[in-house]
Amino acid sequence: MCSLKVISLDFSVAVAFYIFVFLALILIIWLFHKRQKDKDLSLDPKYIWFCSVCSYTYINTKEELISICPRCGSYNKK
């Protein structure tokens, strides 16, 4: 015949296990979401400007041939 074994589990152990599984699931979802968010961020090199006067690197998303440096105010040509 078939003999069944009963697993006895204390209530506090069951609650601790449930909390551990819940927190592990939240951590996995957070890491996956963070990785997807990092993949979505990309910057086109044409928006990165380098100031020839003060050596400041900045981002200007306007598609212009000349840009003004936000630090020193000098004009820079692409």
PDB file of N, CA and C in Angstrom:
ATOM      1  N   MET A   1       0.820  -1.170   0.000  1.00  0.00           N
ATOM      2  CA  MET A   1       0.000   0.000   0.000  1.00  0.00           C
ATOM      3  C   MET A   1       0.882   1.259   0.000  1.00  0.00           C
ATOM      4  N   CYS A   2       0.248   2.379  -0.149  1.00  0.00           N
ATOM      5  CA  CYS A   2       0.955   3.655  -0.233  1.00  0.00           C
ATOM      6  C   CYS A   2       1.012   4.299   1.141  1.00  0.00           C
ATOM      7  N   SER A   3       2.203   4.626   1.552  1.00  0.00           N
ATOM      8  CA  SER A   3       2.327   5.297   2.838  1.00  0.00           C
ATOM      9  C   SER A   3       2.615   6.779   2.595  1.00  0.00           C
ATOM     10  N   LEU A   4       1.843   7.620   3.206  1.00  0.00           N
ATOM     11  CA  LEU A   4       2.007   9.064   3.057  1.00  0.00           C
ATOM     12  C   LEU A   4       2.740   9.611   4.265  1.00  0.00           C
ATOM     13  N   LYS A   5       3.667  10.518   3.998  1.00  0.00           N
ATOM     14  CA  LYS A   5       4.371  11.178   5.083  1.00  0.00           C
ATOM     15  C   LYS A   5       3.839  12.594   5.197  1.00  0.00           C
ATOM     16  N   VAL A   6       3.595  12.999   6.375  1.00  0.00           N
ATOM     17  CA  VAL A   6       3.081  14.332   6.638  1.00  0.00           C
ATOM     18  C   VAL A   6       4.249  15.223   7.031  1.00  0.00           C
ATOM     19  N   ILE A   7       4.324  16.363   6.377  1.00  0.00           N
ATOM     20  CA  ILE A   7       5.372  17.326   6.694  1.00  0.00           C
ATOM     21  C   ILE A   7       4.787  18.316   7.690  1.00  0.00           C
ATOM     22  N   SER A   8       5.357  18.353   8.849  1.00  0.00           N
ATOM     23  CA  SER A   8       4.878  19.314   9.846  1.00  0.00           C
ATOM     24  C   SER A   8       5.674  20.597   9.705  1.00  0.00           C
ATOM     25  N   LEU A   9       4.955  21.693   9.759  1.00  0.00           N
ATOM     26  CA  LEU A   9       5.571  22.988   9.540  1.00  0.00           C
ATOM     27  C   LEU A   9       5.008  23.960  10.560  1.00  0.00           C
ATOM     28  N   ASP A  10       5.923  24.598  11.270  1.00  0.00           N
ATOM     29  CA  ASP A  10       5.521  25.575  12.266  1.00  0.00           C
ATOM     30  C   ASP A  10       5.002  26.832  11.564  1.00  0.00           C
ATOM     31  N   PHE A  11       4.064  27.528  12.169  1.00  0.00           N
ATOM     32  CA  PHE A  11       3.458  28.705  11.559  1.00  0.00           C
ATOM     33  C   PHE A  11       4.488  29.807  11.319  1.00  0.00           C
ATOM     34  N   SER A  12       5.377  30.045  12.261  1.00  0.00           N
ATOM     35  CA  SER A  12       6.377  31.107  12.106  1.00  0.00           C
ATOM     36  C   SER A  12       7.360  30.784  10.981  1.00  0.00           C
ATOM     37  N   VAL A  13       7.682  29.509  10.793  1.00  0.00           N
ATOM     38  CA  VAL A  13       8.563  29.111   9.696  1.00  0.00           C
ATOM     39  C   VAL A  13       7.857  29.313   8.362  1.00  0.00           C
ATOM     40  N   ALA A  14       6.575  29.014   8.315  1.00  0.00           N
ATOM     41  CA  ALA A  14       5.805  29.200   7.095  1.00  0.00           C
ATOM     42  C   ALA A  14       5.709  30.682   6.725  1.00  0.00           C
ATOM     43  N   VAL A  15       5.488  31.535   7.709  1.00  0.00           N
ATOM     44  CA  VAL A  15       5.426  32.973   7.441  1.00  0.00           C
ATOM     45  C   VAL A  15       6.781  33.495   6.988  1.00  0.00           C
ATOM     46  N   ALA A  16       7.850  33.065   7.620  1.00  0.00           N
ATOM     47  CA  ALA A  16       9.193  33.483   7.222  1.00  0.00           C
ATOM     48  C   ALA A  16       9.508  33.026   5.797  1.00  0.00           C
ATOM     49  N   PHE A  17       9.133  31.817   5.456  1.00  0.00           N
ATOM     50  CA  PHE A  17       9.345  31.298   4.101  1.00  0.00           C
ATOM     51  C   PHE A  17       8.549  32.114   3.085  1.00  0.00           C
ATOM     52  N   TYR A  18       7.293  32.422   3.409  1.00  0.00           N
ATOM     53  CA  TYR A  18       6.456  33.220   2.523  1.00  0.00           C
ATOM     54  C   TYR A  18       7.069  34.600   2.312  1.00  0.00           C
ATOM     55  N   ILE A  19       7.535  35.247   3.356  1.00  0.00           N
ATOM     56  CA  ILE A  19       8.143  36.576   3.230  1.00  0.00           C
ATOM     57  C   ILE A  19       9.428  36.506   2.405  1.00  0.00           C
ATOM     58  N   PHE A  20      10.235  35.472   2.624  1.00  0.00           N
ATOM     59  CA  PHE A  20      11.469  35.304   1.860  1.00  0.00           C
ATOM     60  C   PHE A  20      11.185  35.139   0.372  1.00  0.00           C
ATOM     61  N   VAL A  21      10.215  34.311   0.032  1.00  0.00           N
ATOM     62  CA  VAL A  21       9.866  34.090  -1.376  1.00  0.00           C
ATOM     63  C   VAL A  21       9.317  35.375  -1.984  1.00  0.00           C
ATOM     64  N   PHE A  22       8.480  36.088  -1.252  1.00  0.00           N
ATOM     65  CA  PHE A  22       7.910  37.334  -1.739  1.00  0.00           C
ATOM     66  C   PHE A  22       8.998  38.375  -2.000  1.00  0.00           C
ATOM     67  N   LEU A  23       9.934  38.541  -1.072  1.00  0.00           N
ATOM     68  CA  LEU A  23      11.015  39.512  -1.256  1.00  0.00           C
ATOM     69  C   LEU A  23      11.960  39.103  -2.383  1.00  0.00           C
ATOM     70  N   ALA A  24      12.219  37.810  -2.520  1.00  0.00           N
ATOM     71  CA  ALA A  24      13.059  37.336  -3.619  1.00  0.00           C
ATOM     72  C   ALA A  24      12.395  37.624  -4.963  1.00  0.00           C
ATOM     73  N   LEU A  25      11.090  37.441  -5.044  1.00  0.00           N
ATOM     74  CA  LEU A  25      10.361  37.718  -6.277  1.00  0.00           C
ATOM     75  C   LEU A  25      10.395  39.205  -6.608  1.00  0.00           C
ATOM     76  N   ILE A  26      10.236  40.055  -5.612  1.00  0.00           N
ATOM     77  CA  ILE A  26      10.313  41.497  -5.841  1.00  0.00           C
ATOM     78  C   ILE A  26      11.714  41.891  -6.296  1.00  0.00           C
ATOM     79  N   LEU A  27      12.748  41.306  -5.707  1.00  0.00           N
ATOM     80  CA  LEU A  27      14.121  41.604  -6.109  1.00  0.00           C
ATOM     81  C   LEU A  27      14.370  41.197  -7.560  1.00  0.00           C
ATOM     82  N   ILE A  28      13.896  40.044  -7.958  1.00  0.00           N
ATOM     83  CA  ILE A  28      14.081  39.573  -9.336  1.00  0.00           C
ATOM     84  C   ILE A  28      13.367  40.487 -10.316  1.00  0.00           C
ATOM     85  N   ILE A  29      12.140  40.884  -9.989  1.00  0.00           N
ATOM     86  CA  ILE A  29      11.395  41.788 -10.870  1.00  0.00           C
ATOM     87  C   ILE A  29      12.094  43.138 -10.962  1.00  0.00           C
ATOM     88  N   TRP A  30      12.606  43.656  -9.845  1.00  0.00           N
ATOM     89  CA  TRP A  30      13.302  44.941  -9.847  1.00  0.00           C
ATOM     90  C   TRP A  30      14.572  44.881 -10.703  1.00  0.00           C
ATOM     91  N   LEU A  31      15.342  43.806 -10.555  1.00  0.00           N
ATOM     92  CA  LEU A  31      16.566  43.668 -11.350  1.00  0.00           C
ATOM     93  C   LEU A  31      16.256  43.568 -12.835  1.00  0.00           C
ATOM     94  N   PHE A  32      15.215  42.822 -13.191  1.00  0.00           N
ATOM     95  CA  PHE A  32      14.833  42.688 -14.597  1.00  0.00           C
ATOM     96  C   PHE A  32      14.375  44.033 -15.150  1.00  0.00           C
ATOM     97  N   HIS A  33      13.582  44.757 -14.370  1.00  0.00           N
ATOM     98  CA  HIS A  33      13.092  46.061 -14.816  1.00  0.00           C
ATOM     99  C   HIS A  33      14.248  47.047 -14.967  1.00  0.00           C
ATOM    100  N   LYS A  34      15.192  47.014 -14.046  1.00  0.00           N
ATOM    101  CA  LYS A  34      16.353  47.905 -14.125  1.00  0.00           C
ATOM    102  C   LYS A  34      17.202  47.595 -15.351  1.00  0.00           C
ATOM    103  N   ARG A  35      17.372  46.336 -15.647  1.00  0.00           N
ATOM    104  CA  ARG A  35      18.159  45.948 -16.825  1.00  0.00           C
ATOM    105  C   ARG A  35      17.470  46.405 -18.107  1.00  0.00           C
ATOM    106  N   GLN A  36      16.148  46.288 -18.172  1.00  0.00           N
ATOM    107  CA  GLN A  36      15.418  46.740 -19.346  1.00  0.00           C
ATOM    108  C   GLN A  36      15.495  48.261 -19.479  1.00  0.00           C
ATOM    109  N   LYS A  37      15.446  48.961 -18.361  1.00  0.00           N
ATOM    110  CA  LYS A  37      15.525  50.417 -18.391  1.00  0.00           C
ATOM    111  C   LYS A  37      16.896  50.869 -18.871  1.00  0.00           C
ATOM    112  N   ASP A  38      17.960  50.177 -18.448  1.00  0.00           N
ATOM    113  CA  ASP A  38      19.310  50.531 -18.882  1.00  0.00           C
ATOM    114  C   ASP A  38      19.501  50.295 -20.373  1.00  0.00           C
ATOM    115  N   LYS A  39      18.817  49.296 -20.927  1.00  0.00           N
ATOM    116  CA  LYS A  39      18.924  49.033 -22.355  1.00  0.00           C
ATOM    117  C   LYS A  39      18.254  50.131 -23.171  1.00  0.00           C
ATOM    118  N   ASP A  40      17.190  50.718 -22.630  1.00  0.00           N
ATOM    119  CA  ASP A  40      16.461  51.743 -23.360  1.00  0.00           C
ATOM    120  C   ASP A  40      17.229  53.051 -23.454  1.00  0.00           C
ATOM    121  N   LEU A  41      18.161  53.278 -22.550  1.00  0.00           N
ATOM    122  CA  LEU A  41      18.913  54.521 -22.571  1.00  0.00           C
ATOM    123  C   LEU A  41      20.051  54.438 -23.580  1.00  0.00           C
ATOM    124  N   SER A  42      19.998  55.300 -24.542  1.00  0.00           N
ATOM    125  CA  SER A  42      21.089  55.371 -25.509  1.00  0.00           C
ATOM    126  C   SER A  42      21.213  56.826 -25.958  1.00  0.00           C
ATOM    127  N   LEU A  43      22.411  57.237 -26.226  1.00  0.00           N
ATOM    128  CA  LEU A  43      22.665  58.616 -26.608  1.00  0.00           C
ATOM    129  C   LEU A  43      23.387  58.632 -27.940  1.00  0.00           C
ATOM    130  N   ASP A  44      22.843  59.369 -28.848  1.00  0.00           N
ATOM    131  CA  ASP A  44      23.438  59.491 -30.165  1.00  0.00           C
ATOM    132  C   ASP A  44      24.690  60.375 -30.060  1.00  0.00           C
ATOM    133  N   PRO A  45      25.790  59.956 -30.623  1.00  0.00           N
ATOM    134  CA  PRO A  45      27.034  60.747 -30.517  1.00  0.00           C
ATOM    135  C   PRO A  45      26.931  62.147 -31.127  1.00  0.00           C
ATOM    136  N   LYS A  46      25.963  62.380 -32.000  1.00  0.00           N
ATOM    137  CA  LYS A  46      25.855  63.710 -32.599  1.00  0.00           C
ATOM    138  C   LYS A  46      25.346  64.758 -31.602  1.00  0.00           C
ATOM    139  N   TYR A  47      24.803  64.327 -30.458  1.00  0.00           N
ATOM    140  CA  TYR A  47      24.322  65.255 -29.443  1.00  0.00           C
ATOM    141  C   TYR A  47      25.379  65.558 -28.379  1.00  0.00           C
ATOM    142  N   ILE A  48      26.509  64.897 -28.414  1.00  0.00           N
ATOM    143  CA  ILE A  48      27.583  65.125 -27.442  1.00  0.00           C
ATOM    144  C   ILE A  48      28.527  66.186 -28.002  1.00  0.00           C
ATOM    145  N   TRP A  49      28.702  67.250 -27.245  1.00  0.00           N
ATOM    146  CA  TRP A  49      29.537  68.367 -27.652  1.00  0.00           C
ATOM    147  C   TRP A  49      30.724  68.490 -26.708  1.00  0.00           C
ATOM    148  N   PHE A  50      31.822  69.003 -27.225  1.00  0.00           N
ATOM    149  CA  PHE A  50      33.042  69.212 -26.447  1.00  0.00           C
ATOM    150  C   PHE A  50      33.471  70.658 -26.632  1.00  0.00           C
ATOM    151  N   CYS A  51      33.555  71.384 -25.530  1.00  0.00           N
ATOM    152  CA  CYS A  51      33.948  72.792 -25.596  1.00  0.00           C
ATOM    153  C   CYS A  51      35.453  72.897 -25.830  1.00  0.00           C
ATOM    154  N   SER A  52      35.827  73.706 -26.815  1.00  0.00           N
ATOM    155  CA  SER A  52      37.246  73.861 -27.138  1.00  0.00           C
ATOM    156  C   SER A  52      37.938  74.854 -26.208  1.00  0.00           C
ATOM    157  N   VAL A  53      37.186  75.625 -25.431  1.00  0.00           N
ATOM    158  CA  VAL A  53      37.780  76.619 -24.542  1.00  0.00           C
ATOM    159  C   VAL A  53      37.995  76.052 -23.135  1.00  0.00           C
ATOM    160  N   CYS A  54      36.922  75.506 -22.549  1.00  0.00           N
ATOM    161  CA  CYS A  54      37.031  75.061 -21.150  1.00  0.00           C
ATOM    162  C   CYS A  54      37.076  73.531 -21.014  1.00  0.00           C
ATOM    163  N   SER A  55      37.069  72.813 -22.107  1.00  0.00           N
ATOM    164  CA  SER A  55      37.151  71.340 -22.140  1.00  0.00           C
ATOM    165  C   SER A  55      35.964  70.665 -21.454  1.00  0.00           C
ATOM    166  N   TYR A  56      34.820  71.308 -21.468  1.00  0.00           N
ATOM    167  CA  TYR A  56      33.612  70.752 -20.853  1.00  0.00           C
ATOM    168  C   TYR A  56      32.863  69.912 -21.880  1.00  0.00           C
ATOM    169  N   THR A  57      32.443  68.738 -21.508  1.00  0.00           N
ATOM    170  CA  THR A  57      31.641  67.882 -22.373  1.00  0.00           C
ATOM    171  C   THR A  57      30.184  68.027 -21.957  1.00  0.00           C
ATOM    172  N   TYR A  58      29.321  68.331 -22.917  1.00  0.00           N
ATOM    173  CA  TYR A  58      27.918  68.543 -22.606  1.00  0.00           C
ATOM    174  C   TYR A  58      27.034  67.967 -23.708  1.00  0.00           C
ATOM    175  N   ILE A  59      25.742  67.949 -23.429  1.00  0.00           N
ATOM    176  CA  ILE A  59      24.762  67.380 -24.357  1.00  0.00           C
ATOM    177  C   ILE A  59      23.872  68.507 -24.863  1.00  0.00           C
ATOM    178  N   ASN A  60      23.723  68.577 -26.163  1.00  0.00           N
ATOM    179  CA  ASN A  60      22.823  69.533 -26.790  1.00  0.00           C
ATOM    180  C   ASN A  60      22.001  68.764 -27.810  1.00  0.00           C
ATOM    181  N   THR A  61      20.708  68.632 -27.559  1.00  0.00           N
ATOM    182  CA  THR A  61      19.866  67.809 -28.433  1.00  0.00           C
ATOM    183  C   THR A  61      19.350  68.569 -29.644  1.00  0.00           C
ATOM    184  N   LYS A  62      19.638  69.863 -29.735  1.00  0.00           N
ATOM    185  CA  LYS A  62      19.247  70.616 -30.922  1.00  0.00           C
ATOM    186  C   LYS A  62      20.219  70.292 -32.045  1.00  0.00           C
ATOM    187  N   GLU A  63      19.682  70.071 -33.219  1.00  0.00           N
ATOM    188  CA  GLU A  63      20.534  69.723 -34.354  1.00  0.00           C
ATOM    189  C   GLU A  63      21.010  71.006 -35.030  1.00  0.00           C
ATOM    190  N   GLU A  64      22.006  71.620 -34.428  1.00  0.00           N
ATOM    191  CA  GLU A  64      22.578  72.855 -34.944  1.00  0.00           C
ATOM    192  C   GLU A  64      24.052  72.639 -35.255  1.00  0.00           C
ATOM    193  N   LEU A  65      24.604  73.510 -36.069  1.00  0.00           N
ATOM    194  CA  LEU A  65      26.026  73.418 -36.392  1.00  0.00           C
ATOM    195  C   LEU A  65      26.884  74.094 -35.340  1.00  0.00           C
ATOM    196  N   ILE A  66      26.313  75.098 -34.639  1.00  0.00           N
ATOM    197  CA  ILE A  66      27.040  75.823 -33.608  1.00  0.00           C
ATOM    198  C   ILE A  66      26.252  75.724 -32.314  1.00  0.00           C
ATOM    199  N   SER A  67      26.969  75.478 -31.217  1.00  0.00           N
ATOM    200  CA  SER A  67      26.337  75.340 -29.916  1.00  0.00           C
ATOM    201  C   SER A  67      27.054  76.234 -28.906  1.00  0.00           C
ATOM    202  N   ILE A  68      26.324  76.666 -27.888  1.00  0.00           N
ATOM    203  CA  ILE A  68      26.900  77.503 -26.834  1.00  0.00           C
ATOM    204  C   ILE A  68      27.179  76.629 -25.615  1.00  0.00           C
ATOM    205  N   CYS A  69      28.392  76.702 -25.118  1.00  0.00           N
ATOM    206  CA  CYS A  69      28.785  75.913 -23.945  1.00  0.00           C
ATOM    207  C   CYS A  69      28.027  76.427 -22.713  1.00  0.00           C
ATOM    208  N   PRO A  70      27.387  75.516 -21.951  1.00  0.00           N
ATOM    209  CA  PRO A  70      26.654  75.963 -20.765  1.00  0.00           C
ATOM    210  C   PRO A  70      27.565  76.413 -19.620  1.00  0.00           C
ATOM    211  N   ARG A  71      28.824  76.036 -19.638  1.00  0.00           N
ATOM    212  CA  ARG A  71      29.733  76.415 -18.549  1.00  0.00           C
ATOM    213  C   ARG A  71      30.375  77.781 -18.794  1.00  0.00           C
ATOM    214  N   CYS A  72      30.974  77.962 -19.947  1.00  0.00           N
ATOM    215  CA  CYS A  72      31.728  79.205 -20.172  1.00  0.00           C
ATOM    216  C   CYS A  72      31.057  80.147 -21.184  1.00  0.00           C
ATOM    217  N   GLY A  73      30.058  79.676 -21.908  1.00  0.00           N
ATOM    218  CA  GLY A  73      29.337  80.542 -22.838  1.00  0.00           C
ATOM    219  C   GLY A  73      30.001  80.738 -24.191  1.00  0.00           C
ATOM    220  N   SER A  74      31.053  79.994 -24.470  1.00  0.00           N
ATOM    221  CA  SER A  74      31.721  80.143 -25.768  1.00  0.00           C
ATOM    222  C   SER A  74      30.971  79.337 -26.840  1.00  0.00           C
ATOM    223  N   TYR A  75      31.180  79.754 -28.090  1.00  0.00           N
ATOM    224  CA  TYR A  75      30.542  79.079 -29.208  1.00  0.00           C
ATOM    225  C   TYR A  75      31.423  77.924 -29.666  1.00  0.00           C
ATOM    226  N   ASN A  76      30.782  76.783 -29.957  1.00  0.00           N
ATOM    227  CA  ASN A  76      31.526  75.608 -30.412  1.00  0.00           C
ATOM    228  C   ASN A  76      30.920  75.118 -31.714  1.00  0.00           C
ATOM    229  N   LYS A  77      31.803  74.687 -32.604  1.00  0.00           N
ATOM    230  CA  LYS A  77      31.391  74.194 -33.908  1.00  0.00           C
ATOM    231  C   LYS A  77      31.567  72.683 -33.941  1.00  0.00           C
ATOM    232  N   LYS A  78      30.649  72.004 -34.519  1.00  0.00           N
ATOM    233  CA  LYS A  78      30.711  70.539 -34.599  1.00  0.00           C
ATOM    234  C   LYS A  78      31.743  70.122 -35.606  1.00  0.00           C
TER     235      LYS A  78
END
